[in-house]
Amino acid sequence: MTPAKSKTKTAATEEKSKAKAKAPPKKPRAAAKRAAKRPSGKSSAGGAKAKAKTKKAAAPRKARETKPKAREDFTPRIVVFACNWCSYAGADTAGVSRIQYSPHFRIIRVMCSGRVHPAFVLRAFELGADGVLVSGCHFGDCHYIFGNERAVEQFEKTKALLKILGVEEGRIRLEWISAAEGVKFGRVIDEFVEQVRALGPSKLVPRERALPREAEAYADAAALAE
């Protein structure tokens, strides 16, 4: 080998060694992957804050979506105004068929659901009722032709009055039940009892001031008045 070629080779090797010395040391592949996956301190703090905000925003939404739980220790007092020709007969059908349903109600027979004036409902609440159900014939089956249409008008007036008094809308209900619908009568009673149980005692009149005997006397008087 000539001296010129040996000089060029030594110069090249020296330059390579200098370049290697200047270059930063290479990380192992596993360590590099871990470093890439690991977030920086600022980004992790920001992520934690973002998660906390989303949790706070989701909390009230969950609270709105959850239904009120029924209070097992509370027994509601329900008053049912039932039409003589359909709904009261439907209650009879439920009894004859031995359909099981909640016993926590007192039924008042009226000749027509249109006869149930808002004053009847307010009086029931005044005497300690926690909920009032008005039930009549289906449209087209009314014994008095348009009595159930009148019942709808009276019911809307009652809802407006109770809203002014601060009574929850869920404490009153209007249903159409025929004489043959004993199963429906039992189902409606069960649903309404649980609905009122979830609302709790009526705040219109304190339970201590409610007069159950007077309420029963009023129920009998209302039935006899017809």
Protein backbone atom coordinates (compact mmCIF):
# COMPACT_ATOMS: atom_id res chain seq x y z
CA MET A 1 0.00 0.00 0.00
CA THR A 2 1.25 3.42 -0.93
CA PRO A 3 1.88 6.05 1.72
CA ALA A 4 -0.78 8.39 0.09
CA LYS A 5 -3.55 5.79 0.40
CA SER A 6 -2.66 5.01 4.01
CA LYS A 7 -2.81 8.73 4.88
CA THR A 8 -6.29 9.11 3.35
CA LYS A 9 -7.56 6.04 5.27
CA THR A 10 -6.25 7.32 8.59
CA ALA A 11 -7.80 10.76 7.94
CA ALA A 12 -11.18 9.14 7.20
CA THR A 13 -11.10 7.01 10.34
CA GLU A 14 -10.19 10.05 12.45
CA GLU A 15 -13.15 12.04 11.03
CA LYS A 16 -15.55 9.14 11.77
CA SER A 17 -14.35 8.86 15.35
CA LYS A 18 -14.77 12.65 15.82
CA ALA A 19 -18.35 12.52 14.44
CA LYS A 20 -19.25 9.65 16.81
CA ALA A 21 -17.86 11.57 19.77
CA LYS A 22 -19.97 14.65 18.91
CA ALA A 23 -23.23 12.66 18.35
CA PRO A 24 -25.49 12.17 21.47
CA PRO A 25 -25.63 8.67 22.92
CA LYS A 26 -28.45 6.51 21.53
CA LYS A 27 -31.17 5.35 23.91
CA PRO A 28 -32.24 1.72 23.95
CA ARG A 29 -35.41 0.99 21.97
CA ALA A 30 -37.47 -0.04 25.01
CA ALA A 31 -36.50 3.12 26.91
CA ALA A 32 -37.34 5.26 23.87
CA LYS A 33 -40.80 3.69 23.60
CA ARG A 34 -41.47 4.27 27.29
CA ALA A 35 -40.39 7.88 27.01
CA ALA A 36 -42.69 8.40 24.01
CA LYS A 37 -45.67 6.93 25.87
CA ARG A 38 -45.03 8.82 29.10
CA PRO A 39 -46.77 12.26 29.00
CA SER A 40 -45.03 15.35 30.26
CA GLY A 41 -45.92 16.84 33.63
CA LYS A 42 -47.92 19.72 32.16
CA SER A 43 -50.02 17.56 29.86
CA SER A 44 -50.87 15.08 32.65
CA ALA A 45 -51.97 17.93 34.93
CA GLY A 46 -54.08 19.37 32.13
CA GLY A 47 -55.63 15.96 31.47
CA ALA A 48 -56.52 15.56 35.15
CA LYS A 49 -58.20 18.97 35.20
CA ALA A 50 -60.16 18.16 32.04
CA LYS A 51 -61.36 14.86 33.54
CA ALA A 52 -62.43 16.63 36.74
CA LYS A 53 -64.43 19.17 34.71
CA THR A 54 -66.19 16.45 32.70
CA LYS A 55 -67.06 14.62 35.93
CA LYS A 56 -68.54 17.80 37.44
CA ALA A 57 -70.56 18.44 34.28
CA ALA A 58 -71.84 14.86 34.21
CA ALA A 59 -72.84 14.84 37.89
CA PRO A 60 -75.91 17.17 37.65
CA ARG A 61 -77.02 15.40 34.46
CA LYS A 62 -77.01 12.06 36.29
CA ALA A 63 -78.89 13.63 39.17
CA ARG A 64 -81.58 14.85 36.76
CA GLU A 65 -81.86 11.48 35.03
CA THR A 66 -82.20 9.41 38.20
CA LYS A 67 -85.79 8.82 39.28
CA PRO A 68 -86.81 9.57 42.87
CA LYS A 69 -86.66 6.41 44.96
CA ALA A 70 -89.81 5.24 46.67
CA ARG A 71 -89.85 5.75 50.44
CA GLU A 72 -90.66 2.34 51.86
CA ASP A 73 -91.47 3.72 55.33
CA PHE A 74 -94.17 6.06 53.96
CA THR A 75 -97.73 4.85 53.33
CA PRO A 76 -99.57 7.31 51.08
CA ARG A 77 -103.25 8.18 51.46
CA ILE A 78 -104.97 8.08 48.09
CA VAL A 79 -108.51 9.25 47.32
CA VAL A 80 -110.14 7.85 44.16
CA PHE A 81 -113.18 9.54 42.61
CA ALA A 82 -114.70 6.82 40.40
CA CYS A 83 -117.54 7.10 37.89
CA ASN A 84 -120.55 4.97 38.92
CA TRP A 85 -121.13 3.49 35.46
CA CYS A 86 -117.59 2.50 34.39
CA SER A 87 -114.69 2.97 36.80
CA TYR A 88 -116.53 1.93 39.96
CA ALA A 89 -117.76 -1.15 38.10
CA GLY A 90 -114.14 -1.69 36.98
CA ALA A 91 -113.12 -1.73 40.65
CA ASP A 92 -115.86 -4.31 41.23
CA THR A 93 -114.49 -6.41 38.36
CA ALA A 94 -111.01 -6.26 39.90
CA GLY A 95 -112.44 -7.49 43.21
CA VAL A 96 -114.51 -10.29 41.69
CA SER A 97 -111.49 -11.41 39.61
CA ARG A 98 -109.36 -11.37 42.80
CA ILE A 99 -106.77 -9.12 41.22
CA GLN A 100 -104.08 -8.13 43.71
CA TYR A 101 -103.34 -4.40 44.02
CA SER A 102 -102.38 -1.84 46.64
CA PRO A 103 -104.94 -1.29 49.43
CA HIS A 104 -103.74 2.24 50.26
CA PHE A 105 -106.68 4.14 48.77
CA ARG A 106 -110.28 5.08 49.52
CA ILE A 107 -112.77 5.07 46.67
CA ILE A 108 -115.61 7.60 46.38
CA ARG A 109 -118.35 6.78 43.90
CA VAL A 110 -119.72 9.71 41.90
CA MET A 111 -122.41 9.51 39.23
CA CYS A 112 -120.08 11.04 36.64
CA SER A 113 -116.40 12.02 36.50
CA GLY A 114 -117.56 15.45 35.27
CA ARG A 115 -119.12 15.93 38.71
CA VAL A 116 -115.68 16.06 40.38
CA HIS A 117 -115.29 19.78 41.04
CA PRO A 118 -111.84 21.23 41.90
CA ALA A 119 -113.23 21.92 45.39
CA PHE A 120 -113.62 18.14 45.95
CA VAL A 121 -109.94 17.56 45.19
CA LEU A 122 -108.78 20.49 47.32
CA ARG A 123 -110.95 19.29 50.20
CA ALA A 124 -109.41 15.83 49.94
CA PHE A 125 -105.91 17.33 50.20
CA GLU A 126 -107.06 19.53 53.07
CA LEU A 127 -108.22 16.46 54.98
CA GLY A 128 -104.89 14.68 54.60
CA ALA A 129 -104.85 12.99 51.19
CA ASP A 130 -101.42 12.61 49.57
CA GLY A 131 -102.81 11.98 46.09
CA VAL A 132 -106.12 12.13 44.22
CA LEU A 133 -107.14 9.95 41.26
CA VAL A 134 -110.15 10.84 39.09
CA SER A 135 -111.45 8.04 36.89
CA GLY A 136 -114.28 7.94 34.36
CA CYS A 137 -115.65 6.37 31.19
CA HIS A 138 -113.80 6.30 27.90
CA PHE A 139 -114.75 8.97 25.35
CA GLY A 140 -117.89 7.90 23.52
CA ASP A 141 -119.02 5.62 26.38
CA CYS A 142 -120.18 8.28 28.84
CA HIS A 143 -123.65 7.60 30.30
CA TYR A 144 -124.29 11.35 30.14
CA ILE A 145 -122.86 11.74 26.61
CA PHE A 146 -120.22 14.42 27.32
CA GLY A 147 -119.59 14.07 31.07
CA ASN A 148 -115.98 12.92 30.63
CA GLU A 149 -115.27 15.96 28.43
CA ARG A 150 -116.47 18.07 31.34
CA ALA A 151 -114.15 16.03 33.60
CA VAL A 152 -111.16 17.06 31.48
CA GLU A 153 -112.09 20.74 31.87
CA GLN A 154 -112.46 20.36 35.65
CA PHE A 155 -109.17 18.47 35.88
CA GLU A 156 -107.26 21.23 34.05
CA LYS A 157 -108.71 23.80 36.46
CA THR A 158 -107.67 21.64 39.40
CA LYS A 159 -104.11 21.32 38.06
CA ALA A 160 -103.86 25.10 37.71
CA LEU A 161 -105.10 25.67 41.28
CA LEU A 162 -102.71 23.09 42.75
CA LYS A 163 -99.81 24.66 40.86
CA ILE A 164 -100.61 28.00 42.50
CA LEU A 165 -100.68 26.28 45.90
CA GLY A 166 -97.30 24.64 45.25
CA VAL A 167 -98.62 21.06 45.07
CA GLU A 168 -96.73 18.71 42.74
CA GLU A 169 -98.53 17.81 39.52
CA GLY A 170 -97.79 14.13 40.13
CA ARG A 171 -100.20 14.05 43.07
CA ILE A 172 -103.27 14.08 40.80
CA ARG A 173 -104.16 11.83 37.89
CA LEU A 174 -107.02 11.39 35.41
CA GLU A 175 -107.75 7.95 33.94
CA TRP A 176 -110.41 6.32 31.76
CA ILE A 177 -111.37 2.82 32.98
CA SER A 178 -114.35 0.82 31.72
CA ALA A 179 -116.40 -1.72 33.67
CA ALA A 180 -114.53 -4.59 31.99
CA GLU A 181 -111.03 -3.23 32.74
CA GLY A 182 -110.47 -4.66 36.22
CA VAL A 183 -106.83 -5.43 35.40
CA LYS A 184 -106.25 -1.84 34.30
CA PHE A 185 -107.87 -0.53 37.49
CA GLY A 186 -105.45 -2.56 39.63
CA ARG A 187 -102.46 -1.51 37.53
CA VAL A 188 -103.38 2.20 37.69
CA ILE A 189 -103.82 2.03 41.47
CA ASP A 190 -100.41 0.37 41.93
CA GLU A 191 -98.68 2.86 39.63
CA PHE A 192 -100.28 5.89 41.30
CA VAL A 193 -99.54 4.66 44.83
CA GLU A 194 -95.84 4.20 43.98
CA GLN A 195 -95.78 7.57 42.21
CA VAL A 196 -97.14 9.36 45.29
CA ARG A 197 -94.91 7.31 47.60
CA ALA A 198 -91.88 8.62 45.68
CA LEU A 199 -93.09 12.22 46.18
CA GLY A 200 -93.52 11.74 49.93
CA PRO A 201 -96.20 13.20 52.21
CA SER A 202 -98.22 16.14 50.97
CA LYS A 203 -96.90 19.49 52.18
CA LEU A 204 -100.24 21.23 51.71
CA VAL A 205 -101.42 20.14 55.16
CA PRO A 206 -99.05 18.67 57.79
CA ARG A 207 -99.78 15.01 58.48
CA GLU A 208 -100.29 15.75 62.20
CA ARG A 209 -103.14 18.12 61.38
CA ALA A 210 -104.88 15.73 58.97
CA LEU A 211 -108.19 14.38 60.22
CA PRO A 212 -108.73 10.85 58.85
CA ARG A 213 -112.15 10.42 60.49
CA GLU A 214 -113.40 13.66 59.01
CA ALA A 215 -111.98 12.59 55.64
CA GLU A 216 -114.00 9.37 55.85
CA ALA A 217 -117.11 11.28 56.86
CA TYR A 218 -116.57 13.66 53.93
CA ALA A 219 -116.19 10.70 51.55
CA ASP A 220 -119.48 9.22 52.76
CA ALA A 221 -121.22 12.61 52.56
CA ALA A 222 -119.95 13.17 49.01
CA ALA A 223 -121.23 9.76 47.99
CA LEU A 224 -124.65 10.39 49.56
CA ALA A 225 -124.88 13.86 47.99
CA GLU A 226 -125.16 12.22 44.58
